[in-house]
Each structure stands twice: as structure tokens, then as C-alpha cells.
């Protein structure tokens, strides 16, 4: 009996090590491919970008402005990198944390999604009225509170955290970029320099996502499932201190907002005008539906990838942090290779259709393999990486279609 138990334990350990080893190997190769793709894009585009910036600098005064811009850019990107690293670290272990609490995971996820959907239409106007920097401060405070609440194995407390999470997610994707864009123009920097900052934020987003998976895995092994959330608290606190040094802006020339009408009236008016434009312009309606369907598919994937892989892995053991990094590699690689995809497409619409076709084909693999248990773990994982690759490729296509 003792020998049988020892043999079973050895088998479980061996299977776990195989999963970890193959996952790390997968991460290693995907990272190498990502680095090569990034270097290709960087070397092909950096020369033209540097040339454009150099042509606008033809005096000592212009050189001083350029130096000021680079300091401003570095200050913003440092904060952006910290907050994105903290944000990604939470996503790697949220499912497994709730699983360890034995609570209704679907209820918690759905609450967060509904909260984000409810507050999204109004937060843009609120941000303009209270100030972009103040909104960034509110985001950091909310994130610290949310990650502290995750420490409690109590369903009502966790639900409060998910409601606050819906608000903070909207602030993350509105306040920071709005502050940077307005401050860039307010300081009189060249408009042609702005896309360079956008490009760097995209690279930083992907890079911190990959790093977050590795850091979260190390924190989880040292401090348990709550470790990544405690790490996110520390990072967000650092970002908060840096943000307090920023000047305030409201997005208008005189740094003020119209106080003649109340906040509720202004927000309601903007909300009404937005819906009128959406319903009267079929192009806006269609791109909105495309975006909604894309987000719906993506969030379904976000909710299901961990339990799916756990159900297929031996002993239900998956190094989620490492797998998350590999998936984030795929997203970044998809974004970097989109110019190549679009060069073979007749239009951005055709490129987007190709991305959807790839994603649908990839998602058919786990749909067909789910009854084969551990036999198709790596096939499903590879399919998930293709899905994330298509997500990264579709991002630029969607941006171009929205701009039209």
C-alpha cells in the first residue's frame, strides 16, 4: 500500500513537472519569436521616426523643447509601465484565488463586467469635470482598496471589490491617455511626436503583461494565491506617489470646464447625443457591434481559459502565471505583425475578417478536444495562443476602422 501511494505521488509530481517544463519551454520560444518581431519592427520604423523628429529640431531652442518632451514622455511611460504591470498581475491569478475561496466565480466575474458596462458611458464626462490627474489618483486609490479586499474570503466584500473594479477599469483606459494627450499639446510639443508615445505605450503594455505573468508566478509560489495582489498594491502605491507630481488638466484651453450646468445634466446630455449619433449613422452602429462582439468573445475566453486548461492537465495543475505570459506574448506578436498582415490585404476590413477567421478556427480546436482529457492539453494551449495572436492583430485593424 505504501509503495502504491508513493508511486501515485511520484506520478503526480512527474506530470506536474512535465506541464511546468513544457509551459516554460513554450514561454521561452514565444518570447524569442516576440523579440525577433519587435527588433524587426523597431529597426524598420525607428530610422524614419528619428529622422522625422530630427528634421523638426533646427535650433538650440528646438533642441531644448525636444529634451523637455523626452523627459515628459519618460515620466508618463514610467507611471504607465507601473500601473499596467500592477493591473496585469491581478489577472493572472484571480480565477485561482476565487477557486481557493470556494465562492461563485461566475457571479464575481459577471458583477465586474456589468459594473464596467454600467459606468462606462458616464465616466468620460466625469473625468473631464473633476480633472484627468485627479481621476488617475482616484484610479490608484480604488486599485489599492480592491486588491486589499481580495484578501477576504467573504462573498459580499468580494462583490464590492468587483463593482469598484468595473469603475477602475474604465478610469484606467480613459484618464491616463487623456491626461497625457492634453498635457502634450498644452506644453506645445510637436503633434508628430504624439504617435511615438502611443507606440511606446503599446510595446510597454505587451511587455509588462509578459513580465506580470512571471512575477505573479514567483509571488504565488512565495506567498500563495494572494501574493500577486499584494504585489499590485505596492506597485500602485508607487504609481500614486509619482502621479501626485503631475499638473492637472481638464482638456480645455483654459484648464476649466463649463460650470453653468450641473454634472448630471452635462453627462446626461452627452449620453443622449452619443446614442443619437450611433443610431443615425450605420457605420458607427456597425463598428460598435463589432467591438461589442469582439469584447464578448474575449471576455468569455478570459473567464474560461484557466478552468479549461486545468480540466485537461494532469492533477488539474497549471502554472497560470507562465501560461499567461505566453498568451500575452501572442497578443504582442499579433500587434507587431499586423503591418505584414495588412500588406497582403485589400483593406483594413479584409485584414480584420482574416483575424476573425483565424480566431474562429483556433477556438474550434478546444471545442472539439474537450472530451479527450489530458491528451490534447498542449493542442488546446496552442489554440489559445492563436486566439490571442488574432486579438493582438485585430487591435490595430479596429483602431483604423474606428478612425474612419
Protein backbone atom coordinates (compact mmCIF):
# COMPACT_ATOMS: atom_id res chain seq x y z
CA UNK A 1 0.00 0.00 0.00
CA UNK A 2 2.83 2.39 0.89
CA UNK A 3 4.58 1.59 -2.36
CA UNK A 4 1.36 2.20 -4.29
CA UNK A 5 0.85 5.60 -2.62
CA UNK A 6 4.47 6.52 -3.26
CA UNK A 7 4.13 5.54 -6.91
CA UNK A 8 0.96 7.63 -7.27
CA UNK A 9 2.65 10.65 -5.70
CA UNK A 10 5.70 10.26 -7.93
CA UNK A 11 3.44 10.10 -10.98
CA UNK A 12 1.59 13.27 -9.93
CA UNK A 13 4.86 15.11 -9.32
CA UNK A 14 6.26 13.94 -12.66
CA UNK A 15 3.15 15.08 -14.55
CA UNK A 16 3.26 18.44 -12.80
CA UNK A 17 6.93 18.91 -13.71
CA UNK A 18 6.19 18.00 -17.33
CA UNK A 19 3.43 20.62 -17.51
CA UNK A 20 5.71 23.24 -15.93
CA UNK A 21 8.66 22.29 -18.13
CA UNK A 22 6.67 22.40 -21.35
CA UNK A 23 4.97 25.64 -20.34
CA UNK A 24 8.30 27.30 -19.61
CA UNK A 25 9.62 25.98 -22.93
CA UNK A 26 6.55 27.39 -24.66
CA UNK A 27 7.12 30.75 -22.96
CA UNK A 28 10.81 30.71 -23.93
CA UNK A 29 10.20 30.09 -27.63
CA UNK A 30 7.29 32.51 -27.84
CA UNK A 31 9.45 35.17 -26.16
CA UNK A 32 12.27 34.61 -28.65
CA UNK A 33 9.83 34.98 -31.56
CA UNK A 34 8.38 38.12 -29.95
CA UNK A 35 11.84 39.68 -29.50
CA UNK A 36 12.74 38.99 -33.14
CA UNK A 37 9.46 40.51 -34.35
CA UNK A 38 9.94 43.54 -32.11
CA UNK A 39 13.51 44.10 -33.34
CA UNK A 40 12.36 43.89 -36.94
CA UNK A 41 9.61 46.45 -36.37
CA UNK A 42 11.88 48.68 -34.29
CA UNK A 43 14.73 48.71 -36.78
CA UNK A 44 12.43 49.30 -39.74
CA UNK A 45 10.45 52.12 -38.13
CA UNK A 46 12.90 53.77 -35.74
CA UNK A 47 15.06 55.21 -38.51
CA UNK A 48 12.11 57.00 -40.11
CA UNK A 49 10.82 58.16 -36.71
CA UNK A 50 14.18 59.54 -35.67
CA UNK A 51 14.53 61.30 -39.00
CA UNK A 52 11.13 62.96 -38.60
CA UNK A 53 11.97 64.20 -35.10
CA UNK A 54 15.41 65.41 -36.17
CA UNK A 55 14.04 67.47 -39.05
CA UNK A 56 11.85 69.40 -36.60
CA UNK A 57 14.87 70.30 -34.44
CA UNK A 58 16.90 73.00 -36.17
CA UNK A 59 17.96 75.30 -33.31
CA UNK A 60 19.05 75.28 -29.69
CA UNK A 61 15.53 76.29 -28.68
CA UNK A 62 14.06 73.35 -30.57
CA UNK A 63 16.64 71.03 -29.01
CA UNK A 64 15.60 72.25 -25.56
CA UNK A 65 11.95 71.58 -26.41
CA UNK A 66 12.85 68.09 -27.60
CA UNK A 67 14.73 67.39 -24.37
CA UNK A 68 11.72 68.62 -22.39
CA UNK A 69 9.46 66.33 -24.41
CA UNK A 70 11.68 63.31 -23.78
CA UNK A 71 11.60 63.99 -20.01
CA UNK A 72 7.82 64.37 -20.13
CA UNK A 73 7.49 61.17 -22.16
CA UNK A 74 9.74 59.23 -19.79
CA UNK A 75 7.79 60.44 -16.73
CA UNK A 76 4.50 59.34 -18.25
CA UNK A 77 5.78 56.00 -19.54
CA UNK A 78 7.28 55.14 -16.15
CA UNK A 79 3.89 55.57 -14.47
CA UNK A 80 2.14 53.77 -17.33
CA UNK A 81 4.51 50.79 -17.06
CA UNK A 82 3.97 50.51 -13.29
CA UNK A 83 0.17 50.67 -13.42
CA UNK A 84 -0.05 48.22 -16.32
CA UNK A 85 2.28 45.77 -14.55
CA UNK A 86 0.10 46.01 -11.42
CA UNK A 87 -3.09 45.58 -13.47
CA UNK A 88 -1.83 42.54 -15.38
CA UNK A 89 -0.57 40.87 -12.19
CA UNK A 90 -4.12 40.68 -10.84
CA UNK A 91 -5.47 38.96 -13.94
CA UNK A 92 -3.05 36.02 -13.78
CA UNK A 93 -4.37 34.56 -10.51
CA UNK A 94 -7.85 36.00 -9.99
CA UNK A 95 -9.63 32.83 -11.09
CA UNK A 96 -7.47 30.51 -8.99
CA UNK A 97 -7.77 32.83 -5.95
CA UNK A 98 -11.58 32.71 -6.12
CA UNK A 99 -11.36 28.95 -6.69
CA UNK A 100 -9.39 28.59 -3.44
CA UNK A 101 -12.07 30.64 -1.65
CA UNK A 102 -14.78 28.25 -2.93
CA UNK A 103 -17.08 31.13 -3.96
CA UNK A 104 -19.23 31.67 -7.06
CA UNK A 105 -16.58 32.66 -9.59
CA UNK A 106 -19.06 33.35 -12.39
CA UNK A 107 -21.03 35.73 -10.16
CA UNK A 108 -17.91 37.71 -9.29
CA UNK A 109 -16.73 37.96 -12.89
CA UNK A 110 -20.20 38.89 -14.15
CA UNK A 111 -20.51 41.58 -11.46
CA UNK A 112 -17.25 43.16 -12.63
CA UNK A 113 -18.31 43.11 -16.28
CA UNK A 114 -21.75 44.58 -15.52
CA UNK A 115 -20.21 47.29 -13.35
CA UNK A 116 -17.86 48.26 -16.16
CA UNK A 117 -20.71 48.33 -18.68
CA UNK A 118 -22.91 50.44 -16.40
CA UNK A 119 -20.35 53.11 -15.53
CA UNK A 120 -18.55 53.31 -18.91
CA UNK A 121 -20.97 55.75 -20.62
CA UNK A 122 -20.72 58.32 -17.82
CA UNK A 123 -17.12 58.23 -16.61
CA UNK A 124 -15.71 60.11 -19.61
CA UNK A 125 -17.68 63.24 -18.77
CA UNK A 126 -16.99 62.89 -15.05
CA UNK A 127 -13.25 62.66 -15.72
CA UNK A 128 -13.38 65.91 -17.70
CA UNK A 129 -15.13 67.70 -14.85
CA UNK A 130 -13.00 66.55 -11.88
CA UNK A 131 -9.71 66.62 -13.80
CA UNK A 132 -7.61 63.98 -15.53
CA UNK A 133 -4.85 63.84 -12.92
CA UNK A 134 -7.40 63.64 -10.10
CA UNK A 135 -9.06 60.76 -11.97
CA UNK A 136 -5.70 58.96 -12.16
CA UNK A 137 -5.34 59.44 -8.40
CA UNK A 138 -8.85 58.03 -7.86
CA UNK A 139 -7.91 55.03 -10.01
CA UNK A 140 -4.85 54.27 -7.87
CA UNK A 141 -6.81 54.60 -4.62
CA UNK A 142 -9.53 52.30 -5.96
CA UNK A 143 -6.98 49.71 -7.09
CA UNK A 144 -5.31 49.66 -3.68
CA UNK A 145 -8.69 49.20 -1.98
CA UNK A 146 -9.73 46.49 -4.47
CA UNK A 147 -6.56 44.45 -4.01
CA UNK A 148 -6.83 44.70 -0.22
CA UNK A 149 -10.44 43.48 -0.40
CA UNK A 150 -9.27 40.42 -2.37
CA UNK A 151 -7.60 39.20 0.84
CA UNK A 152 -11.01 38.49 2.44
CA UNK A 153 -12.76 35.19 1.81
CA UNK A 154 -16.15 36.87 2.07
CA UNK A 155 -18.59 36.99 -0.84
CA UNK A 156 -20.18 40.43 -0.12
CA UNK A 157 -16.73 42.01 0.29
CA UNK A 158 -15.51 40.40 -2.93
CA UNK A 159 -18.63 41.65 -4.74
CA UNK A 160 -17.88 45.20 -3.58
CA UNK A 161 -14.38 44.78 -4.97
CA UNK A 162 -15.73 43.67 -8.35
CA UNK A 163 -18.08 46.69 -8.54
CA UNK A 164 -15.16 49.00 -7.78
CA UNK A 165 -13.12 47.05 -10.33
CA UNK A 166 -15.59 47.95 -13.07
CA UNK A 167 -15.13 51.64 -12.24
CA UNK A 168 -11.33 51.46 -12.02
CA UNK A 169 -11.03 49.62 -15.34
CA UNK A 170 -12.88 52.42 -17.11
CA UNK A 171 -10.68 55.03 -15.41
CA UNK A 172 -7.57 53.14 -16.50
CA UNK A 173 -8.50 53.34 -20.17
CA UNK A 174 -9.69 56.96 -20.14
CA UNK A 175 -7.86 59.08 -17.56
CA UNK A 176 -4.20 58.32 -18.22
CA UNK A 177 -4.22 58.64 -22.01
CA UNK A 178 -6.45 61.73 -21.83
CA UNK A 179 -4.07 63.41 -19.38
CA UNK A 180 -1.02 62.62 -21.48
CA UNK A 181 -2.54 63.79 -24.78
CA UNK A 182 -3.83 67.06 -23.34
CA UNK A 183 -0.60 67.78 -21.45
CA UNK A 184 1.43 67.05 -24.60
CA UNK A 185 -0.48 69.72 -26.55
CA UNK A 186 -0.64 72.11 -23.63
CA UNK A 187 3.18 72.15 -23.45
CA UNK A 188 3.44 72.94 -27.14
CA UNK A 189 5.17 69.76 -28.27
CA UNK A 190 5.07 68.72 -31.93
CA UNK A 191 1.90 66.86 -32.87
CA UNK A 192 4.02 64.43 -34.89
CA UNK A 193 5.74 63.31 -31.68
CA UNK A 194 2.49 62.11 -30.11
CA UNK A 195 2.19 58.84 -32.11
CA UNK A 196 5.66 57.87 -30.86
CA UNK A 197 4.36 57.89 -27.28
CA UNK A 198 1.29 55.89 -28.31
CA UNK A 199 3.54 53.33 -29.97
CA UNK A 200 5.73 53.00 -26.89
CA UNK A 201 2.70 52.52 -24.64
CA UNK A 202 1.62 49.62 -26.85
CA UNK A 203 5.03 47.98 -26.55
CA UNK A 204 5.13 48.60 -22.79
CA UNK A 205 1.63 47.15 -22.39
CA UNK A 206 2.64 43.89 -24.04
CA UNK A 207 6.00 43.72 -22.29
CA UNK A 208 4.57 44.32 -18.81
CA UNK A 209 1.89 41.70 -19.47
CA UNK A 210 4.58 39.10 -20.16
CA UNK A 211 6.60 40.23 -17.13
CA UNK A 212 3.47 40.20 -14.95
CA UNK A 213 2.91 36.51 -15.56
CA UNK A 214 6.43 35.64 -14.43
CA UNK A 215 6.40 37.97 -11.40
CA UNK A 216 2.94 36.80 -10.37
CA UNK A 217 4.06 33.17 -10.59
CA UNK A 218 7.02 33.89 -8.30
CA UNK A 219 4.83 35.78 -5.81
CA UNK A 220 2.26 32.98 -5.84
CA UNK A 221 4.93 30.37 -5.09
CA UNK A 222 6.28 32.52 -2.21
CA UNK A 223 3.11 33.94 -0.64
CA UNK A 224 0.23 31.87 -2.02
CA UNK A 225 -2.61 32.87 -4.35
CA UNK A 226 -2.91 36.31 -2.71
CA UNK A 227 0.75 37.15 -3.40
CA UNK A 228 0.24 38.81 -6.83
CA UNK A 229 -2.48 41.06 -5.36
CA UNK A 230 -0.22 42.25 -2.56
CA UNK A 231 2.44 42.97 -5.17
CA UNK A 232 -0.11 45.00 -7.15
CA UNK A 233 -0.84 47.10 -4.03
CA UNK A 234 2.83 48.01 -3.64
CA UNK A 235 3.22 48.91 -7.32
CA UNK A 236 0.04 51.01 -7.38
CA UNK A 237 1.17 52.92 -4.29
CA UNK A 238 4.43 53.81 -6.07
CA UNK A 239 2.49 54.98 -9.14
CA UNK A 240 0.24 57.10 -6.92
CA UNK A 241 3.23 58.96 -5.46
CA UNK A 242 4.55 59.68 -8.96
CA UNK A 243 1.15 60.87 -10.25
CA UNK A 244 0.84 63.42 -7.42
CA UNK A 245 3.70 65.32 -9.11
CA UNK A 246 1.68 65.77 -12.32
CA UNK A 247 -0.05 69.08 -13.11
CA UNK A 248 -3.82 68.99 -13.53
CA UNK A 249 -5.64 69.43 -16.83
CA UNK A 250 -9.27 69.26 -17.88
CA UNK A 251 -8.90 69.02 -21.63
CA UNK A 252 -9.82 72.61 -22.50
CA UNK A 253 -7.65 75.59 -23.35
CA UNK A 254 -8.15 77.43 -20.06
CA UNK A 255 -7.98 74.26 -17.94
CA UNK A 256 -11.57 74.77 -16.79
CA UNK A 257 -14.86 73.14 -17.54
CA UNK A 258 -18.26 74.64 -18.09
CA UNK A 259 -19.82 75.09 -14.65
CA UNK A 260 -23.04 76.62 -15.97
CA UNK A 261 -24.81 73.26 -15.88
CA UNK A 262 -24.68 70.55 -13.28
CA UNK A 263 -22.64 67.38 -13.63
CA UNK A 264 -25.71 65.17 -14.02
CA UNK A 265 -27.18 67.43 -16.74
CA UNK A 266 -23.90 67.56 -18.67
CA UNK A 267 -23.38 63.78 -18.51
CA UNK A 268 -26.99 63.05 -19.48
CA UNK A 269 -26.74 65.43 -22.44
CA UNK A 270 -23.56 63.81 -23.72
CA UNK A 271 -25.03 60.34 -23.27
CA UNK A 272 -28.15 61.31 -25.27
CA UNK A 273 -26.12 62.86 -28.09
CA UNK A 274 -23.89 59.79 -28.28
CA UNK A 275 -26.83 57.43 -28.71
CA UNK A 276 -28.41 59.69 -31.32
CA UNK A 277 -25.19 59.62 -33.37
CA UNK A 278 -24.93 55.85 -33.00
CA UNK A 279 -28.48 55.13 -34.15
CA UNK A 280 -28.42 57.57 -37.09
CA UNK A 281 -25.03 56.55 -38.53
CA UNK A 282 -24.87 52.90 -39.62
CA UNK A 283 -21.06 52.97 -39.73
CA UNK A 284 -20.89 53.93 -36.05
CA UNK A 285 -23.52 51.33 -35.19
CA UNK A 286 -21.68 48.57 -37.07
CA UNK A 287 -18.26 49.31 -35.58
CA UNK A 288 -19.95 49.41 -32.17
CA UNK A 289 -21.49 45.98 -32.75
CA UNK A 290 -18.14 44.61 -33.99
CA UNK A 291 -16.42 45.95 -30.89
CA UNK A 292 -19.13 44.55 -28.61
CA UNK A 293 -18.96 41.08 -30.20
CA UNK A 294 -15.15 41.15 -30.03
CA UNK A 295 -15.18 42.09 -26.34
CA UNK A 296 -17.83 39.47 -25.64
CA UNK A 297 -15.73 36.73 -27.21
CA UNK A 298 -12.57 37.96 -25.48
CA UNK A 299 -14.11 38.10 -22.02
CA UNK A 300 -15.64 34.66 -22.50
CA UNK A 301 -12.10 33.48 -23.22
CA UNK A 302 -10.74 35.37 -20.19
CA UNK A 303 -13.27 33.64 -17.96
CA UNK A 304 -12.79 30.13 -19.41
CA UNK A 305 -9.09 29.65 -20.25
CA UNK A 306 -7.97 28.74 -16.72
CA UNK A 307 -10.68 26.13 -15.94
CA UNK A 308 -10.36 24.68 -19.44
CA UNK A 309 -6.62 24.10 -19.13
CA UNK A 310 -6.99 22.83 -15.56
CA UNK A 311 -9.57 20.28 -16.69
CA UNK A 312 -7.15 18.96 -19.33
CA UNK A 313 -3.94 18.98 -17.25
CA UNK A 314 -2.75 16.07 -15.11
CA UNK A 315 -3.77 16.60 -11.48
CA UNK A 316 -5.55 19.80 -12.56
CA UNK A 317 -2.24 21.68 -12.14
CA UNK A 318 -1.37 24.57 -14.46
CA UNK A 319 1.32 27.25 -13.94
CA UNK A 320 -1.13 30.03 -14.74
CA UNK A 321 1.44 32.82 -14.47
CA UNK A 322 3.74 31.24 -17.04
CA UNK A 323 0.88 30.37 -19.40
CA UNK A 324 -0.46 33.92 -19.02
CA UNK A 325 2.94 35.29 -20.10
CA UNK A 326 2.92 33.04 -23.17
CA UNK A 327 -0.59 34.25 -24.07
CA UNK A 328 0.48 37.88 -23.66
CA UNK A 329 3.47 37.17 -25.89
CA UNK A 330 0.98 36.05 -28.53
CA UNK A 331 -1.06 39.26 -28.26
CA UNK A 332 2.04 41.43 -28.59
CA UNK A 333 3.32 39.36 -31.51
CA UNK A 334 -0.05 39.75 -33.24
CA UNK A 335 0.12 43.53 -32.89
CA UNK A 336 3.69 43.67 -34.18
CA UNK A 337 2.93 41.54 -37.24
CA UNK A 338 -0.29 43.35 -38.21
CA UNK A 339 1.54 45.58 -40.76
CA UNK A 340 2.60 42.39 -42.55
CA UNK A 341 -0.97 41.04 -42.47
CA UNK A 342 -2.42 44.31 -43.77
CA UNK A 343 0.14 44.47 -46.59
CA UNK A 344 -1.39 41.29 -48.05
CA UNK A 345 -4.97 42.51 -47.54
CA UNK A 346 -7.04 44.73 -49.81
CA UNK A 347 -8.26 46.82 -46.87
CA UNK A 348 -8.38 47.02 -43.09
CA UNK A 349 -11.79 45.35 -43.24
CA UNK A 350 -10.33 42.36 -45.09
CA UNK A 351 -7.48 42.16 -42.57
CA UNK A 352 -9.96 42.21 -39.68
CA UNK A 353 -12.00 39.45 -41.35
CA UNK A 354 -8.84 37.34 -41.64
CA UNK A 355 -8.17 37.84 -37.92
CA UNK A 356 -11.70 36.69 -37.08
CA UNK A 357 -11.36 33.63 -39.33
CA UNK A 358 -8.13 32.66 -37.55
CA UNK A 359 -9.72 33.13 -34.11
CA UNK A 360 -12.80 31.09 -35.04
CA UNK A 361 -10.66 28.26 -36.41
CA UNK A 362 -8.46 28.26 -33.31
CA UNK A 363 -11.47 28.21 -30.97
CA UNK A 364 -12.84 25.16 -32.79
CA UNK A 365 -9.87 23.12 -31.50
CA UNK A 366 -10.76 23.21 -27.77
CA UNK A 367 -14.45 22.79 -28.70
CA UNK A 368 -13.58 19.51 -30.42
CA UNK A 369 -10.90 18.33 -27.98
CA UNK A 370 -12.66 18.78 -24.65
CA UNK A 371 -13.62 15.09 -24.42
CA UNK A 372 -10.03 13.82 -24.78
CA UNK A 373 -8.86 14.91 -21.29
CA UNK A 374 -5.08 15.31 -20.95
CA UNK A 375 -4.36 14.03 -24.44
CA UNK A 376 -4.88 17.43 -26.02
CA UNK A 377 -3.65 19.83 -23.33
CA UNK A 378 -0.90 21.31 -25.49
CA UNK A 379 -3.08 21.41 -28.60
CA UNK A 380 -5.64 23.48 -26.72
CA UNK A 381 -2.91 25.70 -25.25
CA UNK A 382 -1.52 26.27 -28.75
CA UNK A 383 -5.02 27.12 -29.98
CA UNK A 384 -5.41 29.64 -27.17
CA UNK A 385 -2.15 31.28 -28.23
CA UNK A 386 -3.52 31.58 -31.78
CA UNK A 387 -6.68 33.18 -30.40
CA UNK A 388 -4.60 35.75 -28.51
CA UNK A 389 -2.47 36.33 -31.61
CA UNK A 390 -5.64 37.20 -33.52
CA UNK A 391 -6.71 39.54 -30.68
CA UNK A 392 -3.40 41.38 -30.98
CA UNK A 393 -3.73 41.58 -34.77
CA UNK A 394 -7.32 42.79 -34.66
CA UNK A 395 -6.49 45.68 -32.30
CA UNK A 396 -4.78 47.89 -34.93
CA UNK A 397 -7.42 46.97 -37.52
CA UNK A 398 -10.20 48.01 -35.15
CA UNK A 399 -8.40 51.27 -34.38
CA UNK A 400 -8.15 52.14 -38.06
CA UNK A 401 -11.81 51.31 -38.67
CA UNK A 402 -12.84 53.46 -35.71
CA UNK A 403 -10.77 56.34 -37.06
CA UNK A 404 -12.68 56.10 -40.36
